[in-house]
Amino acid sequence: MSSLPDPAYTKSSNFGQGENLLPDNNTFDKFQGSPDYVTSEALRNAVNVSIVLGRPLLIRGEPGTGKTLLAHSIARGLNKKLITWNIKSTTKAQEGLYVYDTVQRLNDSRFGDKDISDIKHYIKLGKLGQAFRATEQVVLLIDEIDKADIEFPNDLLNELDEMTFYIPETNETVAATHRPITVITSNAEKELPDAFLRRCIFHYIEFPTTELMEEIVRVHFPDIKEKLLRTALQAFYSLRQIDQLRKKPSTSELIDWLKVLIASGIAYEKVAAEIPFVGALLKKESDHDRFINQYHRLTDGFLKSGG
């Protein structure tokens, strides 16, 4: 599902210093997808709403459903450079703006013959700073924002709104020449602040239906045999029906599993009966136990019902 932001936050005056991206009749359907990434209409619309309003697109969904790859697809589809900011538990918002390399300046003062009076030489732009300074509009991916401290999103509110930040060491204000197309991914490990959510376009990537998954698979394996594809998808979705799996296999695991099936040359008849190479799908010991106890009962019922 996708949702529009609070109407109170859609005024053009809120767009800050970046380029004005007011909608018109020719700008909405900029993103149509890319050949190597299958999107639903709802997801394409969410991307285009984000572009038109100049607001970050917050993407949630099960791990392995293509949240990160969406930013790559947008960059390819719109022929724009991708800048990726991978967030870790120790990441601070300041690092995305700039870093003052005091250690290098100290080393130069002690051991080098460089002029250390110009502090600008020791200011290194972070990923957000690089996106602001880009001469052309870029796609900025802030990946797995929920890994960081709870204050991290709030620390970026002003910069994402106004598209500017101040460097006190050089008395310089960095303003975005072009508002980047910003994609933010989250695995919902932590709740994000309401003030941050209000400034984003939100979309949850639903797990693909069988029909959509078939399209996704054919992008990766255009020559896959029909019977193998059908049988593998049936087994895969039956496996996901097992109750209480701690980590259900996702799209990325399915692609890995199919690659192994194709490489091994295994007969499609054995796939539903055995689920060979199940370690490519299930990554937790308890899930292996549940698979052994429940899978055959599920598939027998599924097959007998003509599902």
Protein backbone atom coordinates (compact mmCIF):
# COMPACT_ATOMS: atom_id res chain seq x y z
CA MET A 1 0.00 0.00 0.00
CA SER A 2 1.05 3.60 -0.44
CA SER A 3 -0.08 6.87 1.09
CA LEU A 4 0.24 10.55 0.44
CA PRO A 5 1.78 12.82 3.07
CA ASP A 6 -0.20 15.00 5.44
CA PRO A 7 -1.70 17.83 3.31
CA ALA A 8 -0.10 20.34 5.66
CA TYR A 9 3.31 19.28 4.32
CA THR A 10 2.70 19.51 0.57
CA LYS A 11 3.07 23.25 0.04
CA SER A 12 5.69 24.35 -2.44
CA SER A 13 7.12 26.77 0.13
CA ASN A 14 8.37 23.72 2.03
CA PHE A 15 10.73 22.71 -0.76
CA GLY A 16 13.63 24.80 0.53
CA GLN A 17 16.64 25.71 -1.57
CA GLY A 18 16.50 22.82 -4.03
CA GLU A 19 14.85 23.04 -7.44
CA ASN A 20 11.09 23.59 -7.40
CA LEU A 21 9.34 20.39 -8.44
CA LEU A 22 5.73 21.51 -8.64
CA PRO A 23 3.61 19.02 -10.61
CA ASP A 24 2.50 19.72 -14.13
CA ASN A 25 0.93 17.71 -16.90
CA ASN A 26 4.27 16.44 -18.21
CA THR A 27 6.20 15.44 -15.11
CA PHE A 28 4.29 12.72 -13.26
CA ASP A 29 5.13 9.51 -15.11
CA LYS A 30 8.89 9.99 -15.16
CA PHE A 31 9.67 6.58 -13.67
CA GLN A 32 8.35 3.66 -15.68
CA GLY A 33 10.58 1.00 -14.20
CA SER A 34 13.68 -0.58 -15.70
CA PRO A 35 14.20 -3.79 -17.70
CA ASP A 36 15.86 -5.59 -14.79
CA TYR A 37 13.38 -4.66 -12.04
CA VAL A 38 9.69 -5.55 -12.07
CA THR A 39 7.47 -3.01 -10.30
CA SER A 40 3.78 -2.90 -9.50
CA GLU A 41 1.70 0.07 -10.58
CA ALA A 42 1.35 1.14 -6.94
CA LEU A 43 5.13 1.20 -6.47
CA ARG A 44 5.70 3.15 -9.69
CA ASN A 45 3.08 5.67 -8.58
CA ALA A 46 4.76 6.05 -5.18
CA VAL A 47 8.10 6.76 -6.86
CA ASN A 48 6.56 9.35 -9.14
CA VAL A 49 4.65 11.03 -6.30
CA SER A 50 7.96 11.30 -4.45
CA ILE A 51 9.64 12.86 -7.48
CA VAL A 52 6.83 15.35 -8.12
CA LEU A 53 6.62 16.49 -4.51
CA GLY A 54 10.38 16.45 -3.97
CA ARG A 55 9.98 14.31 -0.86
CA PRO A 56 11.92 11.27 0.32
CA LEU A 57 10.33 7.93 -0.52
CA LEU A 58 10.31 5.66 2.54
CA ILE A 59 10.20 2.01 1.51
CA ARG A 60 9.35 -0.84 3.86
CA GLY A 61 8.76 -4.52 3.23
CA GLU A 62 10.05 -7.97 4.05
CA PRO A 63 13.81 -8.41 3.72
CA GLY A 64 14.62 -9.54 0.22
CA THR A 65 11.69 -7.85 -1.52
CA GLY A 66 13.86 -5.44 -3.51
CA LYS A 67 13.79 -2.28 -1.40
CA THR A 68 17.44 -1.45 -1.99
CA LEU A 69 17.34 -2.51 -5.63
CA LEU A 70 14.51 -0.07 -6.25
CA ALA A 71 16.92 2.86 -5.96
CA HIS A 72 19.23 1.18 -8.49
CA SER A 73 16.25 0.73 -10.82
CA ILE A 74 15.24 4.39 -10.49
CA ALA A 75 18.78 5.50 -11.29
CA ARG A 76 18.92 3.25 -14.36
CA GLY A 77 15.40 4.06 -15.49
CA LEU A 78 15.98 7.82 -15.29
CA ASN A 79 19.65 7.66 -16.35
CA LYS A 80 20.91 9.30 -13.18
CA LYS A 81 23.88 8.71 -10.91
CA LEU A 82 23.22 6.72 -7.73
CA ILE A 83 24.78 7.76 -4.42
CA THR A 84 24.39 5.18 -1.63
CA TRP A 85 24.61 5.91 2.08
CA ASN A 86 24.70 2.58 3.93
CA ILE A 87 23.50 3.13 7.50
CA LYS A 88 25.01 1.20 10.43
CA SER A 89 24.21 1.16 14.13
CA THR A 90 27.07 3.62 14.74
CA THR A 91 26.23 6.03 11.90
CA LYS A 92 25.62 9.66 12.84
CA ALA A 93 23.67 12.14 10.75
CA GLN A 94 26.63 14.53 10.68
CA GLU A 95 28.64 11.96 8.69
CA GLY A 96 26.22 12.26 5.81
CA LEU A 97 26.79 16.00 5.60
CA TYR A 98 30.54 16.42 6.03
CA VAL A 99 33.52 15.32 8.09
CA TYR A 100 36.33 17.60 9.28
CA ASP A 101 39.46 15.46 9.04
CA THR A 102 41.35 16.82 12.03
CA VAL A 103 43.66 13.79 12.14
CA GLN A 104 44.93 14.41 8.61
CA ARG A 105 45.43 18.10 9.36
CA LEU A 106 47.40 17.24 12.49
CA ASN A 107 49.58 14.79 10.56
CA ASP A 108 50.22 17.35 7.85
CA SER A 109 51.24 19.92 10.45
CA ARG A 110 53.67 17.53 12.10
CA PHE A 111 55.12 15.56 9.21
CA GLY A 112 54.22 17.28 5.97
CA ASP A 113 55.03 20.43 4.11
CA LYS A 114 51.45 21.28 3.15
CA ASP A 115 49.74 24.56 3.91
CA ILE A 116 47.29 23.67 6.67
CA SER A 117 45.81 27.17 6.98
CA ASP A 118 43.04 26.43 4.48
CA ILE A 119 40.63 24.22 6.40
CA LYS A 120 38.60 23.56 3.24
CA HIS A 121 41.23 21.03 2.25
CA TYR A 122 40.23 18.94 5.25
CA ILE A 123 36.45 19.10 4.80
CA LYS A 124 35.15 15.92 3.20
CA LEU A 125 31.56 15.83 2.06
CA GLY A 126 29.43 12.87 3.13
CA LYS A 127 26.91 11.14 0.90
CA LEU A 128 24.17 13.70 1.49
CA GLY A 129 26.65 16.52 0.94
CA GLN A 130 27.79 14.91 -2.31
CA ALA A 131 24.17 14.67 -3.50
CA PHE A 132 23.67 18.37 -2.74
CA ARG A 133 26.84 19.39 -4.58
CA ALA A 134 26.14 17.27 -7.67
CA THR A 135 25.88 19.33 -10.85
CA GLU A 136 22.98 17.15 -12.04
CA GLN A 137 20.11 15.59 -10.13
CA VAL A 138 21.10 12.25 -8.56
CA VAL A 139 19.31 9.39 -6.84
CA LEU A 140 20.26 9.23 -3.16
CA LEU A 141 19.74 5.93 -1.34
CA ILE A 142 19.72 6.05 2.47
CA ASP A 143 19.75 2.33 3.10
CA GLU A 144 18.34 0.73 6.28
CA ILE A 145 17.77 3.92 8.23
CA ASP A 146 16.25 1.97 11.13
CA LYS A 147 19.67 0.52 12.01
CA ALA A 148 20.82 3.87 13.36
CA ASP A 149 20.05 5.52 16.67
CA ILE A 150 16.46 6.69 17.14
CA GLU A 151 17.58 10.34 16.93
CA PHE A 152 19.21 9.84 13.53
CA PRO A 153 16.08 10.58 11.41
CA ASN A 154 15.24 13.67 13.47
CA ASP A 155 18.79 14.97 13.00
CA LEU A 156 18.22 15.02 9.23
CA LEU A 157 14.81 16.72 9.22
CA ASN A 158 16.02 20.23 8.46
CA GLU A 159 18.55 19.16 5.83
CA LEU A 160 16.02 17.00 3.97
CA ASP A 161 13.43 19.80 4.14
CA GLU A 162 15.59 22.77 3.29
CA MET A 163 18.24 21.01 1.20
CA THR A 164 20.98 23.04 2.90
CA PHE A 165 23.49 22.65 5.71
CA TYR A 166 26.08 24.87 7.34
CA ILE A 167 29.80 24.13 7.82
CA PRO A 168 30.94 26.28 10.77
CA GLU A 169 34.63 25.46 10.28
CA THR A 170 34.62 27.27 6.93
CA ASN A 171 31.61 29.56 7.48
CA GLU A 172 30.05 28.02 4.37
CA THR A 173 26.47 27.05 3.56
CA VAL A 174 26.07 24.13 1.17
CA ALA A 175 22.80 24.32 -0.78
CA ALA A 176 21.54 21.68 -3.18
CA THR A 177 21.67 22.69 -6.82
CA HIS A 178 19.14 19.97 -7.59
CA ARG A 179 16.90 18.23 -5.08
CA PRO A 180 17.99 14.57 -5.17
CA ILE A 181 15.48 11.80 -5.69
CA THR A 182 15.77 10.29 -2.22
CA VAL A 183 14.91 6.67 -1.41
CA ILE A 184 15.02 5.59 2.24
CA THR A 185 14.69 1.92 3.15
CA SER A 186 13.65 0.46 6.49
CA ASN A 187 13.20 -3.07 7.82
CA ALA A 188 11.12 -1.74 10.71
CA GLU A 189 13.71 -2.74 13.31
CA LYS A 190 12.87 0.52 15.08
CA GLU A 191 9.89 2.84 14.88
CA LEU A 192 10.69 6.05 13.04
CA PRO A 193 9.66 9.41 14.55
CA ASP A 194 6.31 10.85 13.46
CA ALA A 195 7.90 14.16 12.47
CA PHE A 196 10.15 12.27 10.07
CA LEU A 197 7.32 10.13 8.68
CA ARG A 198 5.21 13.20 7.92
CA ARG A 199 7.90 14.45 5.57
CA CYS A 200 8.08 11.23 3.55
CA ILE A 201 6.05 9.45 0.93
CA PHE A 202 5.44 5.95 2.25
CA HIS A 203 5.14 2.67 0.41
CA TYR A 204 5.10 -0.89 1.72
CA ILE A 205 6.26 -3.47 -0.82
CA GLU A 206 3.76 -6.29 -0.53
CA PHE A 207 5.14 -9.76 -1.10
CA PRO A 208 4.69 -10.53 -4.80
CA THR A 209 1.76 -12.58 -6.01
CA THR A 210 2.57 -15.74 -7.96
CA GLU A 211 1.93 -13.92 -11.23
CA LEU A 212 4.21 -11.00 -10.36
CA MET A 213 6.85 -13.37 -9.02
CA GLU A 214 6.83 -15.20 -12.33
CA GLU A 215 7.61 -11.91 -14.09
CA ILE A 216 10.44 -11.24 -11.65
CA VAL A 217 11.92 -14.70 -12.18
CA ARG A 218 11.81 -14.37 -15.95
CA VAL A 219 13.83 -11.17 -15.74
CA HIS A 220 16.62 -13.17 -14.09
CA PHE A 221 16.12 -16.43 -15.99
CA PRO A 222 14.48 -15.69 -19.35
CA ASP A 223 15.14 -19.22 -20.61
CA ILE A 224 13.91 -21.14 -17.58
CA LYS A 225 11.83 -24.19 -18.47
CA GLU A 226 8.12 -23.73 -17.89
CA LYS A 227 7.59 -26.89 -15.84
CA LEU A 228 10.53 -26.14 -13.57
CA LEU A 229 9.31 -22.60 -13.02
CA ARG A 230 5.75 -23.64 -12.19
CA THR A 231 6.83 -26.45 -9.90
CA ALA A 232 9.43 -24.34 -8.11
CA LEU A 233 6.99 -21.49 -7.51
CA GLN A 234 4.38 -23.91 -6.19
CA ALA A 235 6.91 -25.40 -3.77
CA PHE A 236 8.18 -21.97 -2.76
CA TYR A 237 4.77 -20.57 -1.89
CA SER A 238 3.80 -23.78 -0.10
CA LEU A 239 6.94 -23.40 2.00
CA ARG A 240 5.94 -19.84 2.91
CA GLN A 241 2.62 -21.20 4.23
CA ILE A 242 4.33 -23.01 7.07
CA ASP A 243 3.22 -21.36 10.30
CA GLN A 244 5.72 -19.77 12.64
CA LEU A 245 8.70 -19.68 10.31
CA ARG A 246 11.10 -17.22 11.90
CA LYS A 247 12.36 -16.11 8.50
CA LYS A 248 10.20 -16.92 5.51
CA PRO A 249 12.12 -17.26 2.25
CA SER A 250 11.96 -14.09 0.19
CA THR A 251 12.41 -13.13 -3.43
CA SER A 252 16.20 -13.01 -3.15
CA GLU A 253 16.29 -16.55 -1.70
CA LEU A 254 14.01 -17.77 -4.48
CA ILE A 255 16.34 -16.36 -7.13
CA ASP A 256 19.33 -18.04 -5.47
CA TRP A 257 17.46 -21.35 -5.21
CA LEU A 258 16.38 -21.29 -8.85
CA LYS A 259 19.95 -20.58 -9.91
CA VAL A 260 21.06 -23.70 -8.04
CA LEU A 261 18.22 -25.79 -9.48
CA ILE A 262 19.10 -24.76 -13.02
CA ALA A 263 22.83 -25.32 -12.50
CA SER A 264 22.25 -28.78 -10.99
CA GLY A 265 19.98 -29.93 -13.81
CA ILE A 266 17.62 -31.55 -11.31
CA ALA A 267 14.34 -32.90 -12.68
CA TYR A 268 11.33 -30.73 -11.94
CA GLU A 269 9.45 -33.77 -10.57
CA LYS A 270 11.81 -33.87 -7.59
CA VAL A 271 11.39 -30.22 -6.68
CA ALA A 272 7.94 -30.37 -5.08
CA ALA A 273 8.56 -33.78 -3.52
CA GLU A 274 11.88 -32.94 -1.89
CA ILE A 275 12.67 -29.23 -2.12
CA PRO A 276 16.32 -29.97 -2.83
CA PHE A 277 18.98 -27.52 -1.62
CA VAL A 278 16.54 -26.15 0.96
CA GLY A 279 19.45 -24.42 2.69
CA ALA A 280 19.28 -21.79 -0.04
CA LEU A 281 15.77 -20.94 1.16
CA LEU A 282 15.72 -21.47 4.92
CA LYS A 283 18.42 -19.81 6.99
CA LYS A 284 17.48 -20.74 10.55
CA GLU A 285 17.76 -24.13 12.28
CA SER A 286 14.27 -23.94 13.79
CA ASP A 287 12.81 -23.27 10.35
CA HIS A 288 14.49 -26.42 9.02
CA ASP A 289 12.77 -28.40 11.78
CA ARG A 290 9.36 -26.95 10.95
CA PHE A 291 9.97 -27.66 7.28
CA ILE A 292 10.63 -31.33 8.00
CA ASN A 293 7.52 -31.60 10.17
CA GLN A 294 5.02 -29.62 8.11
CA TYR A 295 6.01 -29.21 4.48
CA HIS A 296 4.91 -32.56 3.07
CA ARG A 297 1.50 -32.25 4.74
CA LEU A 298 1.04 -28.82 3.19
CA THR A 299 2.15 -29.81 -0.30
CA ASP A 300 0.07 -33.00 -0.33
CA GLY A 301 -3.03 -30.97 0.45
CA PHE A 302 -2.08 -28.29 -2.01
CA LEU A 303 -1.51 -30.72 -4.86
CA LYS A 304 -4.64 -32.76 -4.17
CA SER A 305 -6.75 -29.62 -4.20
CA GLY A 306 -5.41 -28.73 -7.63
CA GLY A 307 -3.78 -25.52 -6.27
